[in-house]
Amino acid sequence: MRLPKEEVRLILDFQDDSQEYSEFHFGDWKTYVIWNQSGQDDDGRVADHGQAARPTPRGLGLGFLNNWMVRTFDVSKLKLARIHSMGEGVLIPHRDFVEFGKHTKPWTRVHVPLVTNSSCMHSDESTVFRMRQGEVWFLDAANLHSAVNFSTERRLNLCLDFDIGHAEVADVLLPAAFNDIDSLTPELVRRPPLEVSFEDTLLSLAAQL
């Protein structure tokens, strides 16, 4: 899927980003809600109100993206859709879905890079990878995860949260969110070992604070 240039420009011109979960990033990171259960642009909280998501006023302007979402996913199970717009910055390693109780199955999260570049990377626990434009990724957001953009070129990422029941393994969860599904080989990032002196150098910086 390649987003038309006019919709990319529209997203880049969005104002009044959501401040929910802003404590998890450092640098240039903005979040825009385009589908949720309340239909309000400023409602980006992960909370289940017992309804399927619907486009917000901001999201209604993204006709191509909305049509693609409806064709690709079972949106009756969609709870929240956001676009993360990231310049030069980092998403601090964290875990999501902590709002859910210990005995409640959290939502299932899917990512779709709309605009990206080779300086953008993501991590899931100890694995680092690039999500290529147009790919569809399932990431267990309850795991420790992070993201970074080392460039000033904006990265736009569609983030979709589904409530698809109480299955425990991804092979069962994923088909329930899609109208169709295919797989590709991911682009993993090789991580060479740190220099032996790295820890000493890092600790020495603390003395300067």
Protein backbone atom coordinates (compact mmCIF):
# COMPACT_ATOMS: atom_id res chain seq x y z
CA MET A 1 0.00 0.00 0.00
CA ARG A 2 1.34 3.41 -1.01
CA LEU A 3 -0.46 6.44 0.40
CA PRO A 4 -1.22 9.14 -2.22
CA LYS A 5 0.92 12.26 -1.95
CA GLU A 6 -2.09 14.45 -1.21
CA GLU A 7 -2.98 12.39 1.87
CA VAL A 8 0.66 12.41 3.01
CA ARG A 9 0.62 16.22 2.76
CA LEU A 10 -2.67 16.34 4.66
CA ILE A 11 -1.20 14.29 7.51
CA LEU A 12 1.95 16.42 7.59
CA ASP A 13 -0.28 19.48 7.99
CA PHE A 14 -2.23 18.03 10.94
CA GLN A 15 -2.30 20.22 14.05
CA ASP A 16 -3.17 19.67 17.72
CA ASP A 17 -1.55 16.28 18.24
CA SER A 18 -2.71 14.00 21.07
CA GLN A 19 -0.87 14.44 24.36
CA GLU A 20 -1.75 10.96 25.63
CA TYR A 21 1.39 8.99 26.53
CA SER A 22 3.69 11.90 25.63
CA GLU A 23 5.98 10.90 28.50
CA PHE A 24 7.22 7.94 26.44
CA HIS A 25 9.09 9.91 23.79
CA PHE A 26 12.03 12.28 23.52
CA GLY A 27 12.45 14.60 20.56
CA ASP A 28 10.11 15.14 17.63
CA TRP A 29 7.16 12.75 18.04
CA LYS A 30 3.48 13.53 17.39
CA THR A 31 0.38 11.32 17.53
CA TYR A 32 -2.87 11.96 15.65
CA VAL A 33 -6.00 9.93 16.39
CA ILE A 34 -8.00 9.04 13.26
CA TRP A 35 -10.37 6.31 14.53
CA ASN A 36 -11.62 5.73 18.08
CA GLN A 37 -14.72 4.75 20.03
CA SER A 38 -15.80 8.30 20.91
CA GLY A 39 -15.30 9.90 17.50
CA GLN A 40 -13.32 12.78 19.04
CA ASP A 41 -9.98 13.91 17.63
CA ASP A 42 -8.37 14.39 21.05
CA ASP A 43 -9.30 10.99 22.52
CA GLY A 44 -6.21 8.78 22.23
CA ARG A 45 -6.50 6.86 25.49
CA VAL A 46 -6.30 3.05 25.46
CA ALA A 47 -9.64 2.24 27.09
CA ASP A 48 -12.46 -0.08 26.03
CA HIS A 49 -15.92 1.53 26.02
CA GLY A 50 -17.56 -1.52 24.46
CA GLN A 51 -17.86 -0.02 20.99
CA ALA A 52 -16.14 -0.46 17.65
CA ALA A 53 -13.98 2.43 16.48
CA ARG A 54 -15.19 4.95 13.92
CA PRO A 55 -13.38 7.75 12.07
CA THR A 56 -12.81 11.01 13.90
CA PRO A 57 -13.43 14.33 12.10
CA ARG A 58 -9.69 14.42 11.31
CA GLY A 59 -9.73 10.83 10.10
CA LEU A 60 -12.69 11.39 7.78
CA GLY A 61 -10.43 13.42 5.48
CA LEU A 62 -8.23 10.38 4.76
CA GLY A 63 -10.43 8.70 2.17
CA PHE A 64 -7.80 6.48 0.55
CA LEU A 65 -6.40 5.30 3.89
CA ASN A 66 -9.85 4.61 5.32
CA ASN A 67 -10.89 2.58 2.27
CA TRP A 68 -7.67 0.55 2.47
CA MET A 69 -8.23 -0.13 6.19
CA VAL A 70 -11.78 -1.34 5.57
CA ARG A 71 -10.66 -3.61 2.72
CA THR A 72 -7.71 -5.04 4.64
CA PHE A 73 -8.96 -5.40 8.21
CA ASP A 74 -12.06 -6.42 10.09
CA VAL A 75 -12.78 -2.92 11.43
CA SER A 76 -15.66 -4.22 13.56
CA LYS A 77 -12.88 -5.34 15.92
CA LEU A 78 -10.92 -2.08 15.67
CA LYS A 79 -10.75 0.00 18.86
CA LEU A 80 -8.20 2.71 18.11
CA ALA A 81 -6.26 3.97 15.09
CA ARG A 82 -3.49 6.55 15.34
CA ILE A 83 -0.84 7.99 13.06
CA HIS A 84 2.55 8.47 14.70
CA SER A 85 4.49 11.27 13.01
CA MET A 86 8.14 11.11 14.02
CA GLY A 87 11.00 13.42 13.13
CA GLU A 88 14.39 13.17 14.78
CA GLY A 89 13.61 11.49 18.07
CA VAL A 90 13.27 8.32 20.08
CA LEU A 91 10.45 6.36 21.65
CA ILE A 92 11.71 5.41 25.11
CA PRO A 93 11.67 1.62 25.74
CA HIS A 94 8.38 0.77 27.46
CA ARG A 95 5.47 -1.66 27.64
CA ASP A 96 1.90 -0.85 26.60
CA PHE A 97 -1.55 -2.09 27.62
CA VAL A 98 -0.77 -1.72 31.32
CA GLU A 99 -4.31 -0.30 31.61
CA PHE A 100 -5.71 -3.82 31.30
CA GLY A 101 -6.17 -5.96 34.37
CA LYS A 102 -4.13 -9.08 34.98
CA HIS A 103 -6.97 -11.32 33.82
CA THR A 104 -8.03 -9.25 30.80
CA LYS A 105 -6.66 -9.98 27.34
CA PRO A 106 -5.05 -6.78 25.99
CA TRP A 107 -5.66 -5.52 22.50
CA THR A 108 -3.71 -6.72 19.49
CA ARG A 109 -1.56 -4.03 17.85
CA VAL A 110 -0.75 -3.78 14.14
CA HIS A 111 1.67 -1.29 12.57
CA VAL A 112 1.74 -0.09 8.95
CA PRO A 113 4.62 2.22 7.89
CA LEU A 114 3.14 4.86 5.57
CA VAL A 115 6.32 6.90 5.04
CA THR A 116 9.71 5.79 6.32
CA ASN A 117 13.44 5.72 5.58
CA SER A 118 16.48 3.59 6.36
CA SER A 119 17.32 5.69 9.44
CA CYS A 120 14.14 4.51 11.18
CA MET A 121 14.40 1.42 13.37
CA HIS A 122 12.25 -0.41 15.88
CA SER A 123 12.99 -2.88 18.64
CA ASP A 124 11.03 -5.68 20.29
CA GLU A 125 12.89 -6.91 23.37
CA SER A 126 16.42 -7.59 22.02
CA THR A 127 15.49 -7.68 18.30
CA VAL A 128 16.04 -4.58 16.15
CA PHE A 129 14.42 -4.27 12.72
CA ARG A 130 13.17 -1.90 10.05
CA MET A 131 9.52 -1.83 9.11
CA ARG A 132 9.41 -1.16 5.38
CA GLN A 133 6.83 1.08 3.73
CA GLY A 134 3.50 -0.66 3.13
CA GLU A 135 4.31 -3.72 5.26
CA VAL A 136 1.86 -4.80 7.95
CA TRP A 137 3.42 -5.77 11.28
CA PHE A 138 2.04 -7.42 14.39
CA LEU A 139 4.01 -6.42 17.49
CA ASP A 140 3.17 -7.55 20.99
CA ALA A 141 3.04 -4.14 22.66
CA ALA A 142 3.09 -5.77 26.09
CA ASN A 143 6.75 -6.59 25.36
CA LEU A 144 9.49 -4.02 25.92
CA HIS A 145 9.71 -2.05 22.67
CA SER A 146 11.13 1.16 21.24
CA ALA A 147 11.59 3.15 18.02
CA VAL A 148 14.02 5.75 16.70
CA ASN A 149 14.41 8.06 13.72
CA PHE A 150 18.00 9.21 13.23
CA SER A 151 17.04 11.53 10.36
CA THR A 152 15.08 14.78 10.09
CA GLU A 153 12.86 13.22 7.40
CA ARG A 154 9.47 12.47 8.93
CA ARG A 155 8.32 8.93 9.45
CA LEU A 156 4.55 8.30 9.37
CA ASN A 157 3.29 5.10 10.95
CA LEU A 158 -0.28 3.82 11.18
CA CYS A 159 -0.94 2.12 14.55
CA LEU A 160 -4.08 -0.02 14.86
CA ASP A 161 -5.41 -1.62 18.05
CA PHE A 162 -7.90 -4.52 17.78
CA ASP A 163 -9.91 -6.44 20.33
CA ILE A 164 -9.96 -9.91 18.82
CA GLY A 165 -10.73 -12.11 21.77
CA HIS A 166 -8.85 -14.24 24.22
CA ALA A 167 -6.56 -16.42 22.11
CA GLU A 168 -3.03 -16.61 23.48
CA VAL A 169 -0.83 -17.07 20.42
CA ALA A 170 -0.20 -14.82 17.45
CA ASP A 171 -1.04 -17.52 14.89
CA VAL A 172 -4.59 -17.52 16.24
CA LEU A 173 -4.84 -13.79 16.93
CA LEU A 174 -3.66 -12.36 13.66
CA PRO A 175 -6.08 -13.86 11.11
CA ALA A 176 -8.98 -12.54 13.20
CA ALA A 177 -7.91 -8.94 12.55
CA PHE A 178 -7.42 -9.30 8.77
CA ASN A 179 -9.70 -9.87 5.85
CA ASP A 180 -6.69 -11.54 4.17
CA ILE A 181 -3.12 -12.20 5.25
CA ASP A 182 0.29 -12.82 3.67
CA SER A 183 3.84 -12.88 5.03
CA LEU A 184 7.23 -11.38 4.09
CA THR A 185 10.77 -11.84 5.33
CA PRO A 186 11.50 -9.06 7.86
CA GLU A 187 14.52 -6.76 7.59
CA LEU A 188 16.44 -7.41 10.80
CA VAL A 189 19.25 -5.07 11.87
CA ARG A 190 22.60 -6.60 12.80
CA ARG A 191 23.82 -5.35 16.18
CA PRO A 192 27.58 -5.63 16.65
CA PRO A 193 28.82 -6.04 20.25
CA LEU A 194 29.58 -2.87 22.20
CA GLU A 195 33.19 -1.87 22.74
CA VAL A 196 34.63 -3.08 26.04
CA SER A 197 35.15 0.53 27.11
CA PHE A 198 31.50 1.52 26.51
CA GLU A 199 30.32 0.89 30.08
CA ASP A 200 33.22 2.85 31.58
CA THR A 201 32.59 5.74 29.20
CA LEU A 202 28.89 5.76 30.05
CA LEU A 203 29.56 5.72 33.79
CA SER A 204 32.07 8.55 33.45
CA LEU A 205 29.35 10.77 32.01
CA ALA A 206 27.39 10.45 35.25
CA ALA A 207 30.18 12.23 37.11
CA GLN A 208 29.63 15.28 34.91
CA LEU A 209 25.98 15.69 35.87
